[in-house]
Amino acid sequence: ANPGQTLRVNFYYGTNNVGQVLAAPYQFTWTNPPSGSNLLVAVATDNLGLSATSAPVAIAINGPPLVSITSPANGSSLPVGNVTIGASATDTNGGVAQVDFYVGGNLVASSITSPYSTVLSNAALGGYSTFAVARDTFGLSATSAVVNFSVVPQGTNFADLFANRGLITGFTNFKTGTSAGASKEPGEQDHWMFN
């Protein structure tokens, strides 16, 4: 080797060596850099062991946003009617531009301001799956985990305690049951006397 010939160039992010190149052109691809602002320096070392450090170069790396469904809870059962679907979305740089809500794989709504949410109006009985897609201001996106929930008939809170009795109102509610084996508390009518 010729005296004073460059043998290698190491690239540093802070004190972390993120790359080394042993031949010209002295360039490399940095895989999985952290998002945000980063300062890089190059350190060239020659065959005599002498080295020189470059001036720092600032670069900004855009990372995808983080998004998750906050409501309803996975595996929950909700009464027939309006169901609010909420999401949490953050971004390390640039900010969240939009959160899209999907139910059953179909786009149902988009939200551009926090708190990110939508209402599934008049949700019918059945099982549902939902997820959200967040997009940052630089165009990167991320998808939340899928949340499954069920819509079930409105509960009536029937119990064998007269003070905790349930009431059925309106014309669209129904509930079947039996008073066999029921006890009688003070103030409760005889079971056979209901009108």
N, C-alpha and C. Protein backbone atom coordinates (compact mmCIF):
# COMPACT_ATOMS: atom_id res chain seq x y z
N ALA A 1 0.84 -1.18 0.00
CA ALA A 1 0.00 0.00 0.00
C ALA A 1 0.88 1.24 0.00
N ASN A 2 0.41 2.27 -0.63
CA ASN A 2 1.12 3.54 -0.68
C ASN A 2 0.98 4.26 0.65
N PRO A 3 2.05 4.97 1.09
CA PRO A 3 1.94 5.72 2.34
C PRO A 3 0.86 6.79 2.23
N GLY A 4 0.05 6.92 3.26
CA GLY A 4 -1.00 7.94 3.31
C GLY A 4 -2.23 7.60 2.50
N GLN A 5 -2.38 6.36 2.10
CA GLN A 5 -3.55 5.94 1.32
C GLN A 5 -4.70 5.60 2.28
N THR A 6 -5.92 6.07 1.95
CA THR A 6 -7.09 5.80 2.79
C THR A 6 -7.41 4.31 2.75
N LEU A 7 -7.54 3.73 3.94
CA LEU A 7 -7.88 2.32 4.05
C LEU A 7 -9.36 2.09 4.31
N ARG A 8 -9.95 3.01 5.06
CA ARG A 8 -11.37 2.82 5.42
C ARG A 8 -11.97 4.15 5.84
N VAL A 9 -13.31 4.19 5.74
CA VAL A 9 -14.08 5.32 6.27
C VAL A 9 -15.18 4.74 7.13
N ASN A 10 -15.23 5.18 8.39
CA ASN A 10 -16.29 4.76 9.30
C ASN A 10 -17.29 5.92 9.44
N PHE A 11 -18.56 5.59 9.49
CA PHE A 11 -19.63 6.58 9.64
C PHE A 11 -20.25 6.41 11.02
N TYR A 12 -20.42 7.54 11.71
CA TYR A 12 -20.90 7.51 13.08
C TYR A 12 -22.16 8.34 13.25
N TYR A 13 -23.09 7.79 14.03
CA TYR A 13 -24.27 8.50 14.52
C TYR A 13 -24.06 8.58 16.03
N GLY A 14 -23.75 9.78 16.54
CA GLY A 14 -23.35 9.89 17.93
C GLY A 14 -22.05 9.12 18.11
N THR A 15 -22.02 8.19 19.03
CA THR A 15 -20.83 7.35 19.22
C THR A 15 -21.00 5.98 18.58
N ASN A 16 -22.12 5.76 17.90
CA ASN A 16 -22.40 4.47 17.28
C ASN A 16 -21.83 4.40 15.87
N ASN A 17 -21.01 3.40 15.61
CA ASN A 17 -20.48 3.16 14.27
C ASN A 17 -21.60 2.49 13.47
N VAL A 18 -22.16 3.20 12.48
CA VAL A 18 -23.30 2.68 11.73
C VAL A 18 -22.90 2.13 10.37
N GLY A 19 -21.65 2.31 9.99
CA GLY A 19 -21.21 1.78 8.71
C GLY A 19 -19.72 1.92 8.52
N GLN A 20 -19.15 1.02 7.73
CA GLN A 20 -17.73 1.08 7.39
C GLN A 20 -17.57 0.72 5.92
N VAL A 21 -16.77 1.52 5.20
CA VAL A 21 -16.51 1.27 3.78
C VAL A 21 -15.00 1.16 3.61
N LEU A 22 -14.57 0.13 2.87
CA LEU A 22 -13.14 -0.16 2.73
C LEU A 22 -12.57 0.25 1.38
N ALA A 23 -13.40 0.76 0.47
CA ALA A 23 -12.90 1.16 -0.85
C ALA A 23 -13.75 2.30 -1.39
N ALA A 24 -13.12 3.07 -2.28
CA ALA A 24 -13.85 4.18 -2.92
C ALA A 24 -14.90 3.60 -3.86
N PRO A 25 -16.04 4.21 -4.08
CA PRO A 25 -16.47 5.45 -3.44
C PRO A 25 -16.91 5.16 -2.00
N TYR A 26 -16.59 6.03 -1.11
CA TYR A 26 -16.85 5.82 0.32
C TYR A 26 -18.28 6.23 0.65
N GLN A 27 -19.21 5.33 0.40
CA GLN A 27 -20.62 5.57 0.69
C GLN A 27 -21.25 4.25 1.15
N PHE A 28 -22.36 4.36 1.90
CA PHE A 28 -23.03 3.15 2.40
C PHE A 28 -24.50 3.45 2.58
N THR A 29 -25.28 2.40 2.76
CA THR A 29 -26.71 2.52 3.03
C THR A 29 -26.93 2.21 4.50
N TRP A 30 -27.52 3.15 5.20
CA TRP A 30 -27.80 3.01 6.63
C TRP A 30 -29.15 2.35 6.77
N THR A 31 -29.21 1.14 7.28
CA THR A 31 -30.48 0.43 7.43
C THR A 31 -31.05 0.66 8.83
N ASN A 32 -32.35 0.85 8.89
CA ASN A 32 -33.11 1.05 10.13
C ASN A 32 -32.59 2.20 11.00
N PRO A 33 -32.37 3.37 10.41
CA PRO A 33 -31.95 4.50 11.25
C PRO A 33 -33.12 4.95 12.13
N PRO A 34 -32.83 5.53 13.29
CA PRO A 34 -33.92 6.03 14.13
C PRO A 34 -34.55 7.26 13.49
N SER A 35 -35.86 7.42 13.66
CA SER A 35 -36.53 8.58 13.09
C SER A 35 -36.18 9.82 13.91
N GLY A 36 -36.30 10.96 13.28
CA GLY A 36 -35.98 12.23 13.93
C GLY A 36 -34.74 12.84 13.33
N SER A 37 -34.20 13.84 14.00
CA SER A 37 -32.98 14.52 13.53
C SER A 37 -31.76 13.72 13.95
N ASN A 38 -30.83 13.59 13.04
CA ASN A 38 -29.61 12.82 13.28
C ASN A 38 -28.40 13.61 12.78
N LEU A 39 -27.29 13.52 13.50
CA LEU A 39 -26.02 14.09 13.06
C LEU A 39 -25.08 12.95 12.72
N LEU A 40 -24.52 12.98 11.50
CA LEU A 40 -23.58 11.96 11.06
C LEU A 40 -22.21 12.58 10.86
N VAL A 41 -21.16 11.80 11.16
CA VAL A 41 -19.79 12.20 10.85
C VAL A 41 -19.10 11.01 10.19
N ALA A 42 -18.11 11.32 9.35
CA ALA A 42 -17.29 10.29 8.72
C ALA A 42 -15.88 10.42 9.26
N VAL A 43 -15.24 9.29 9.56
CA VAL A 43 -13.86 9.27 10.04
C VAL A 43 -13.06 8.43 9.04
N ALA A 44 -12.13 9.10 8.34
CA ALA A 44 -11.26 8.42 7.36
C ALA A 44 -9.96 8.05 8.06
N THR A 45 -9.51 6.81 7.85
CA THR A 45 -8.26 6.33 8.45
C THR A 45 -7.36 5.82 7.33
N ASP A 46 -6.07 6.27 7.35
CA ASP A 46 -5.14 5.82 6.31
C ASP A 46 -4.31 4.64 6.78
N ASN A 47 -3.45 4.16 5.88
CA ASN A 47 -2.66 2.98 6.18
C ASN A 47 -1.57 3.22 7.23
N LEU A 48 -1.35 4.47 7.60
CA LEU A 48 -0.38 4.79 8.65
C LEU A 48 -1.05 4.93 10.02
N GLY A 49 -2.38 4.75 10.05
CA GLY A 49 -3.12 4.85 11.30
C GLY A 49 -3.58 6.26 11.63
N LEU A 50 -3.32 7.22 10.74
CA LEU A 50 -3.79 8.60 10.96
C LEU A 50 -5.24 8.70 10.53
N SER A 51 -6.00 9.55 11.21
CA SER A 51 -7.42 9.70 10.86
C SER A 51 -7.82 11.16 10.87
N ALA A 52 -8.91 11.43 10.16
CA ALA A 52 -9.51 12.77 10.12
C ALA A 52 -11.02 12.61 10.18
N THR A 53 -11.67 13.57 10.87
CA THR A 53 -13.12 13.51 11.06
C THR A 53 -13.78 14.63 10.28
N SER A 54 -14.85 14.30 9.58
CA SER A 54 -15.58 15.30 8.80
C SER A 54 -16.40 16.21 9.72
N ALA A 55 -16.88 17.30 9.16
CA ALA A 55 -17.84 18.13 9.89
C ALA A 55 -19.14 17.34 10.00
N PRO A 56 -19.91 17.55 11.07
CA PRO A 56 -21.19 16.84 11.20
C PRO A 56 -22.17 17.25 10.10
N VAL A 57 -22.94 16.29 9.64
CA VAL A 57 -23.98 16.52 8.64
C VAL A 57 -25.31 16.16 9.28
N ALA A 58 -26.25 17.12 9.27
CA ALA A 58 -27.57 16.87 9.86
C ALA A 58 -28.49 16.25 8.81
N ILE A 59 -29.18 15.20 9.21
CA ILE A 59 -30.19 14.59 8.35
C ILE A 59 -31.44 14.34 9.19
N ALA A 60 -32.58 14.37 8.53
CA ALA A 60 -33.84 14.08 9.21
C ALA A 60 -34.41 12.80 8.62
N ILE A 61 -34.75 11.86 9.47
CA ILE A 61 -35.32 10.58 9.06
C ILE A 61 -36.78 10.56 9.49
N ASN A 62 -37.66 10.32 8.52
CA ASN A 62 -39.08 10.23 8.84
C ASN A 62 -39.43 8.79 9.17
N GLY A 63 -39.98 8.57 10.34
CA GLY A 63 -40.46 7.26 10.73
C GLY A 63 -41.97 7.21 10.62
N PRO A 64 -42.55 6.04 10.50
CA PRO A 64 -44.00 5.94 10.39
C PRO A 64 -44.66 6.32 11.71
N PRO A 65 -45.92 6.73 11.65
CA PRO A 65 -46.65 7.03 12.89
C PRO A 65 -46.95 5.75 13.66
N LEU A 66 -47.37 5.92 14.90
CA LEU A 66 -47.85 4.81 15.72
C LEU A 66 -49.35 4.98 15.87
N VAL A 67 -50.12 3.92 15.73
CA VAL A 67 -51.58 4.01 15.82
C VAL A 67 -52.13 2.76 16.48
N SER A 68 -53.16 2.96 17.32
CA SER A 68 -53.85 1.83 17.95
C SER A 68 -55.31 2.21 18.19
N ILE A 69 -56.17 1.22 18.18
CA ILE A 69 -57.58 1.41 18.52
C ILE A 69 -57.68 1.49 20.04
N THR A 70 -58.30 2.55 20.56
CA THR A 70 -58.45 2.72 22.01
C THR A 70 -59.82 2.30 22.50
N SER A 71 -60.82 2.33 21.62
CA SER A 71 -62.16 1.85 21.98
C SER A 71 -62.89 1.46 20.71
N PRO A 72 -63.70 0.41 20.75
CA PRO A 72 -63.98 -0.45 21.89
C PRO A 72 -62.81 -1.40 22.16
N ALA A 73 -62.86 -2.04 23.32
CA ALA A 73 -61.82 -3.00 23.69
C ALA A 73 -61.98 -4.27 22.86
N ASN A 74 -60.86 -4.91 22.56
CA ASN A 74 -60.90 -6.16 21.81
C ASN A 74 -61.70 -7.20 22.58
N GLY A 75 -62.63 -7.85 21.92
CA GLY A 75 -63.46 -8.88 22.54
C GLY A 75 -64.65 -8.36 23.33
N SER A 76 -64.89 -7.06 23.29
CA SER A 76 -65.99 -6.50 24.08
C SER A 76 -67.34 -6.73 23.42
N SER A 77 -68.39 -6.64 24.24
CA SER A 77 -69.78 -6.72 23.78
C SER A 77 -70.45 -5.40 24.08
N LEU A 78 -71.06 -4.81 23.05
CA LEU A 78 -71.69 -3.50 23.19
C LEU A 78 -73.15 -3.59 22.83
N PRO A 79 -74.00 -2.75 23.44
CA PRO A 79 -75.42 -2.80 23.12
C PRO A 79 -75.72 -2.23 21.74
N VAL A 80 -76.83 -2.69 21.16
CA VAL A 80 -77.30 -2.18 19.87
C VAL A 80 -77.40 -0.67 19.95
N GLY A 81 -77.00 0.01 18.88
CA GLY A 81 -77.07 1.47 18.82
C GLY A 81 -75.80 2.05 18.28
N ASN A 82 -75.45 3.24 18.72
CA ASN A 82 -74.25 3.91 18.25
C ASN A 82 -73.01 3.38 18.97
N VAL A 83 -71.98 3.06 18.19
CA VAL A 83 -70.72 2.56 18.74
C VAL A 83 -69.62 3.55 18.36
N THR A 84 -68.94 4.09 19.36
CA THR A 84 -67.83 5.00 19.11
C THR A 84 -66.55 4.19 18.96
N ILE A 85 -65.84 4.46 17.86
CA ILE A 85 -64.55 3.82 17.61
C ILE A 85 -63.50 4.92 17.75
N GLY A 86 -62.57 4.73 18.69
CA GLY A 86 -61.54 5.73 18.95
C GLY A 86 -60.16 5.16 18.67
N ALA A 87 -59.23 6.05 18.31
CA ALA A 87 -57.85 5.64 18.04
C ALA A 87 -56.88 6.65 18.62
N SER A 88 -55.72 6.17 18.97
CA SER A 88 -54.60 7.01 19.39
C SER A 88 -53.58 6.96 18.27
N ALA A 89 -53.07 8.13 17.85
CA ALA A 89 -52.07 8.18 16.79
C ALA A 89 -51.04 9.26 17.13
N THR A 90 -49.76 8.91 17.01
CA THR A 90 -48.67 9.85 17.26
C THR A 90 -47.62 9.68 16.18
N ASP A 91 -46.79 10.71 16.02
CA ASP A 91 -45.70 10.67 15.05
C ASP A 91 -44.50 11.38 15.65
N THR A 92 -43.31 10.81 15.48
CA THR A 92 -42.12 11.39 16.10
C THR A 92 -41.67 12.68 15.43
N ASN A 93 -42.02 12.86 14.16
CA ASN A 93 -41.68 14.10 13.47
C ASN A 93 -42.71 14.37 12.39
N GLY A 94 -43.07 15.61 12.22
CA GLY A 94 -44.02 15.97 11.18
C GLY A 94 -45.46 15.97 11.61
N GLY A 95 -45.87 15.07 12.45
CA GLY A 95 -47.24 15.03 12.94
C GLY A 95 -48.15 14.12 12.14
N VAL A 96 -49.29 13.82 12.73
CA VAL A 96 -50.30 12.96 12.10
C VAL A 96 -51.21 13.83 11.23
N ALA A 97 -51.35 13.45 9.98
CA ALA A 97 -52.20 14.21 9.06
C ALA A 97 -53.63 13.69 9.05
N GLN A 98 -53.80 12.36 9.19
CA GLN A 98 -55.15 11.78 9.07
C GLN A 98 -55.17 10.38 9.64
N VAL A 99 -56.31 10.01 10.21
CA VAL A 99 -56.54 8.64 10.66
C VAL A 99 -57.80 8.14 9.96
N ASP A 100 -57.67 7.02 9.25
CA ASP A 100 -58.79 6.39 8.56
C ASP A 100 -59.28 5.21 9.38
N PHE A 101 -60.60 5.08 9.49
CA PHE A 101 -61.22 3.99 10.26
C PHE A 101 -61.86 3.00 9.30
N TYR A 102 -61.58 1.73 9.53
CA TYR A 102 -62.13 0.65 8.72
C TYR A 102 -62.95 -0.27 9.60
N VAL A 103 -64.10 -0.69 9.09
CA VAL A 103 -64.94 -1.69 9.76
C VAL A 103 -65.24 -2.76 8.73
N GLY A 104 -64.93 -4.00 9.08
CA GLY A 104 -65.14 -5.09 8.13
C GLY A 104 -64.33 -4.91 6.86
N GLY A 105 -63.18 -4.25 6.95
CA GLY A 105 -62.32 -4.03 5.79
C GLY A 105 -62.71 -2.86 4.92
N ASN A 106 -63.81 -2.17 5.25
CA ASN A 106 -64.27 -1.04 4.46
C ASN A 106 -64.01 0.28 5.17
N LEU A 107 -63.52 1.26 4.42
CA LEU A 107 -63.31 2.60 4.97
C LEU A 107 -64.66 3.20 5.34
N VAL A 108 -64.82 3.59 6.63
CA VAL A 108 -66.09 4.17 7.07
C VAL A 108 -65.97 5.64 7.43
N ALA A 109 -64.76 6.11 7.77
CA ALA A 109 -64.61 7.52 8.15
C ALA A 109 -63.13 7.87 8.22
N SER A 110 -62.86 9.19 8.16
CA SER A 110 -61.51 9.72 8.34
C SER A 110 -61.58 10.86 9.33
N SER A 111 -60.53 11.02 10.11
CA SER A 111 -60.46 12.09 11.11
C SER A 111 -59.11 12.78 10.96
N ILE A 112 -59.11 14.12 11.02
CA ILE A 112 -57.86 14.86 10.86
C ILE A 112 -57.43 15.57 12.14
N THR A 113 -58.24 15.47 13.19
CA THR A 113 -57.87 16.11 14.46
C THR A 113 -58.01 15.13 15.61
N SER A 114 -57.14 15.32 16.59
CA SER A 114 -57.19 14.51 17.80
C SER A 114 -58.22 15.10 18.75
N PRO A 115 -58.99 14.33 19.49
CA PRO A 115 -58.97 12.87 19.55
C PRO A 115 -59.59 12.26 18.30
N TYR A 116 -58.95 11.24 17.76
CA TYR A 116 -59.38 10.60 16.53
C TYR A 116 -60.48 9.60 16.85
N SER A 117 -61.67 9.82 16.26
CA SER A 117 -62.78 8.91 16.52
C SER A 117 -63.83 9.03 15.43
N THR A 118 -64.71 8.05 15.41
CA THR A 118 -65.87 8.06 14.54
C THR A 118 -66.98 7.29 15.24
N VAL A 119 -68.20 7.46 14.77
CA VAL A 119 -69.34 6.76 15.35
C VAL A 119 -69.94 5.85 14.30
N LEU A 120 -70.06 4.59 14.65
CA LEU A 120 -70.75 3.62 13.81
C LEU A 120 -72.22 3.71 14.22
N SER A 121 -73.02 4.42 13.42
CA SER A 121 -74.41 4.71 13.78
C SER A 121 -75.30 3.48 13.64
N ASN A 122 -76.19 3.32 14.62
CA ASN A 122 -77.19 2.26 14.60
C ASN A 122 -76.58 0.89 14.28
N ALA A 123 -75.52 0.55 14.98
CA ALA A 123 -74.86 -0.74 14.76
C ALA A 123 -75.84 -1.87 15.04
N ALA A 124 -76.00 -2.75 14.09
CA ALA A 124 -76.92 -3.88 14.22
C ALA A 124 -76.25 -5.01 14.99
N LEU A 125 -77.05 -5.99 15.39
CA LEU A 125 -76.53 -7.17 16.08
C LEU A 125 -75.51 -7.87 15.20
N GLY A 126 -74.44 -8.36 15.82
CA GLY A 126 -73.46 -9.12 15.07
C GLY A 126 -72.04 -8.86 15.52
N GLY A 127 -71.12 -9.53 14.83
CA GLY A 127 -69.70 -9.37 15.12
C GLY A 127 -69.07 -8.37 14.17
N TYR A 128 -68.11 -7.61 14.68
CA TYR A 128 -67.44 -6.57 13.89
C TYR A 128 -65.94 -6.66 14.10
N SER A 129 -65.18 -6.24 13.09
CA SER A 129 -63.74 -6.07 13.23
C SER A 129 -63.40 -4.68 12.72
N THR A 130 -62.48 -4.02 13.41
CA THR A 130 -62.11 -2.67 13.03
C THR A 130 -60.60 -2.48 13.18
N PHE A 131 -60.07 -1.57 12.38
CA PHE A 131 -58.67 -1.16 12.49
C PHE A 131 -58.55 0.26 11.97
N ALA A 132 -57.44 0.91 12.27
CA ALA A 132 -57.21 2.29 11.85
C ALA A 132 -55.88 2.36 11.10
N VAL A 133 -55.83 3.29 10.14
CA VAL A 133 -54.61 3.57 9.40
C VAL A 133 -54.28 5.04 9.63
N ALA A 134 -53.08 5.32 10.18
CA ALA A 134 -52.64 6.70 10.41
C ALA A 134 -51.62 7.08 9.34
N ARG A 135 -51.74 8.31 8.83
CA ARG A 135 -50.78 8.83 7.86
C ARG A 135 -50.13 10.08 8.44
N ASP A 136 -48.80 10.18 8.28
CA ASP A 136 -48.13 11.38 8.78
C ASP A 136 -48.05 12.44 7.68
N THR A 137 -47.55 13.61 8.03
CA THR A 137 -47.52 14.73 7.08
C THR A 137 -46.53 14.51 5.94
N PHE A 138 -45.65 13.50 6.05
CA PHE A 138 -44.71 13.19 4.97
C PHE A 138 -45.20 12.02 4.11
N GLY A 139 -46.37 11.47 4.42
CA GLY A 139 -46.96 10.42 3.59
C GLY A 139 -46.75 9.00 4.06
N LEU A 140 -45.97 8.78 5.14
CA LEU A 140 -45.83 7.42 5.65
C LEU A 140 -47.09 7.02 6.42
N SER A 141 -47.40 5.74 6.39
CA SER A 141 -48.60 5.28 7.09
C SER A 141 -48.28 4.06 7.94
N ALA A 142 -49.16 3.80 8.88
CA ALA A 142 -49.07 2.62 9.74
C ALA A 142 -50.49 2.14 10.03
N THR A 143 -50.62 0.84 10.24
CA THR A 143 -51.92 0.22 10.49
C THR A 143 -51.96 -0.35 11.89
N SER A 144 -53.06 -0.11 12.59
CA SER A 144 -53.21 -0.64 13.95
C SER A 144 -53.52 -2.13 13.90
N ALA A 145 -53.46 -2.76 15.05
CA ALA A 145 -53.93 -4.14 15.19
C ALA A 145 -55.45 -4.15 15.01
N VAL A 146 -55.97 -5.28 14.58
CA VAL A 146 -57.42 -5.43 14.40
C VAL A 146 -58.07 -5.63 15.77
N VAL A 147 -59.19 -4.96 15.99
CA VAL A 147 -59.98 -5.11 17.21
C VAL A 147 -61.32 -5.73 16.82
N ASN A 148 -61.69 -6.80 17.51
CA ASN A 148 -62.97 -7.47 17.26
C ASN A 148 -63.92 -7.16 18.42
N PHE A 149 -65.18 -6.87 18.08
CA PHE A 149 -66.19 -6.64 19.10
C PHE A 149 -67.53 -7.14 18.60
N SER A 150 -68.48 -7.28 19.52
CA SER A 150 -69.83 -7.75 19.17
C SER A 150 -70.85 -6.72 19.60
N VAL A 151 -71.93 -6.64 18.83
CA VAL A 151 -73.08 -5.82 19.20
C VAL A 151 -74.17 -6.80 19.59
N VAL A 152 -74.67 -6.65 20.81
CA VAL A 152 -75.62 -7.60 21.40
C VAL A 152 -76.89 -6.86 21.81
N PRO A 153 -77.99 -7.60 22.09
CA PRO A 153 -79.21 -6.92 22.55
C PRO A 153 -78.96 -6.11 23.81
N GLN A 154 -79.70 -5.04 23.95
CA GLN A 154 -79.60 -4.19 25.13
C GLN A 154 -79.90 -5.03 26.37
N GLY A 155 -79.06 -4.94 27.38
CA GLY A 155 -79.28 -5.68 28.62
C GLY A 155 -80.47 -5.11 29.39
N THR A 156 -81.14 -5.98 30.11
CA THR A 156 -82.29 -5.52 30.91
C THR A 156 -82.00 -5.56 32.39
N ASN A 157 -80.87 -6.12 32.77
CA ASN A 157 -80.47 -6.18 34.18
C ASN A 157 -81.47 -6.92 35.06
N PHE A 158 -82.15 -7.93 34.51
CA PHE A 158 -83.07 -8.69 35.34
C PHE A 158 -82.30 -9.46 36.40
N ALA A 159 -82.87 -9.51 37.59
CA ALA A 159 -82.23 -10.20 38.70
C ALA A 159 -83.33 -10.72 39.62
N ASP A 160 -82.95 -11.57 40.54
CA ASP A 160 -83.91 -12.10 41.49
C ASP A 160 -83.97 -11.23 42.74
N LEU A 161 -83.66 -9.99 42.63
CA LEU A 161 -83.82 -9.05 43.73
C LEU A 161 -84.77 -7.97 43.27
N PHE A 162 -85.88 -7.84 43.96
CA PHE A 162 -86.91 -6.88 43.55
C PHE A 162 -86.34 -5.47 43.44
N ALA A 163 -85.44 -5.09 44.34
CA ALA A 163 -84.87 -3.74 44.30
C ALA A 163 -83.99 -3.55 43.07
N ASN A 164 -83.47 -4.64 42.49
CA ASN A 164 -82.62 -4.55 41.30
C ASN A 164 -83.34 -5.04 40.05
N ARG A 165 -84.64 -4.97 40.06
CA ARG A 165 -85.41 -5.50 38.94
C ARG A 165 -85.13 -4.72 37.66
N GLY A 166 -85.26 -5.41 36.53
CA GLY A 166 -85.09 -4.77 35.23
C GLY A 166 -86.43 -4.34 34.68
N LEU A 167 -86.41 -3.35 33.80
CA LEU A 167 -87.63 -2.86 33.17
C LEU A 167 -87.47 -2.94 31.66
N ILE A 168 -88.53 -3.34 30.99
CA ILE A 168 -88.55 -3.33 29.53
C ILE A 168 -89.44 -2.18 29.12
N THR A 169 -88.90 -1.29 28.30
CA THR A 169 -89.68 -0.15 27.82
C THR A 169 -89.64 -0.12 26.30
N GLY A 170 -90.58 0.55 25.70
CA GLY A 170 -90.62 0.68 24.25
C GLY A 170 -91.16 -0.58 23.60
N PHE A 171 -91.13 -0.58 22.29
CA PHE A 171 -91.72 -1.68 21.55
C PHE A 171 -90.69 -2.56 20.86
N THR A 172 -89.40 -2.18 20.90
CA THR A 172 -88.39 -2.95 20.17
C THR A 172 -87.58 -3.85 21.08
N ASN A 173 -87.80 -3.79 22.39
CA ASN A 173 -87.04 -4.62 23.30
C ASN A 173 -87.79 -5.90 23.62
N PHE A 174 -87.07 -6.97 23.86
CA PHE A 174 -87.67 -8.22 24.29
C PHE A 174 -86.67 -8.96 25.15
N LYS A 175 -87.18 -9.79 26.03
CA LYS A 175 -86.34 -10.62 26.88
C LYS A 175 -87.19 -11.77 27.35
N THR A 176 -86.65 -12.97 27.32
CA THR A 176 -87.40 -14.11 27.83
C THR A 176 -86.80 -14.50 29.16
N GLY A 177 -87.61 -15.12 29.97
CA GLY A 177 -87.14 -15.53 31.28
C GLY A 177 -88.22 -16.32 31.99
N THR A 178 -87.93 -16.70 33.21
CA THR A 178 -88.89 -17.44 34.02
C THR A 178 -88.75 -16.98 35.47
N SER A 179 -89.84 -17.08 36.18
CA SER A 179 -89.80 -16.73 37.60
C SER A 179 -89.74 -18.00 38.45
N ALA A 180 -89.55 -19.18 37.81
CA ALA A 180 -89.45 -20.43 38.55
C ALA A 180 -88.27 -20.36 39.51
N GLY A 181 -88.49 -20.65 40.75
CA GLY A 181 -87.45 -20.66 41.76
C GLY A 181 -87.10 -19.28 42.28
N ALA A 182 -87.84 -18.26 41.86
CA ALA A 182 -87.54 -16.90 42.31
C ALA A 182 -87.98 -16.73 43.76
N SER A 183 -87.26 -15.89 44.49
CA SER A 183 -87.62 -15.60 45.87
C SER A 183 -88.51 -14.36 45.90
N LYS A 184 -89.04 -14.05 47.07
CA LYS A 184 -89.90 -12.88 47.20
C LYS A 184 -89.32 -11.99 48.29
N GLU A 185 -89.06 -10.75 47.94
CA GLU A 185 -88.52 -9.79 48.90
C GLU A 185 -89.66 -8.91 49.42
N PRO A 186 -89.41 -8.22 50.54
CA PRO A 186 -90.44 -7.31 51.07
C PRO A 186 -90.82 -6.25 50.03
N GLY A 187 -92.12 -6.02 49.85
CA GLY A 187 -92.62 -5.02 48.90
C GLY A 187 -92.83 -5.57 47.51
N GLU A 188 -92.39 -6.79 47.25
CA GLU A 188 -92.56 -7.37 45.91
C GLU A 188 -93.93 -8.02 45.81
N GLN A 189 -94.58 -7.85 44.65
CA GLN A 189 -95.88 -8.49 44.43
C GLN A 189 -95.71 -9.99 44.35
N ASP A 190 -96.83 -10.71 44.57
CA ASP A 190 -96.81 -12.15 44.34
C ASP A 190 -96.53 -12.39 42.86
N HIS A 191 -95.76 -13.39 42.54
CA HIS A 191 -95.36 -13.63 41.17
C HIS A 191 -96.54 -13.91 40.26
N TRP A 192 -97.60 -14.45 40.78
CA TRP A 192 -98.76 -14.77 39.96
C TRP A 192 -99.66 -13.58 39.76
N MET A 193 -99.36 -12.42 40.41
CA MET A 193 -100.28 -11.28 40.35
C MET A 193 -99.86 -10.23 39.32
N PHE A 194 -98.89 -10.50 38.45
CA PHE A 194 -98.48 -9.48 37.48
C PHE A 194 -99.60 -9.21 36.50
N ASN A 195 -99.78 -7.93 36.15
CA ASN A 195 -100.83 -7.55 35.19
C ASN A 195 -100.25 -7.41 33.81
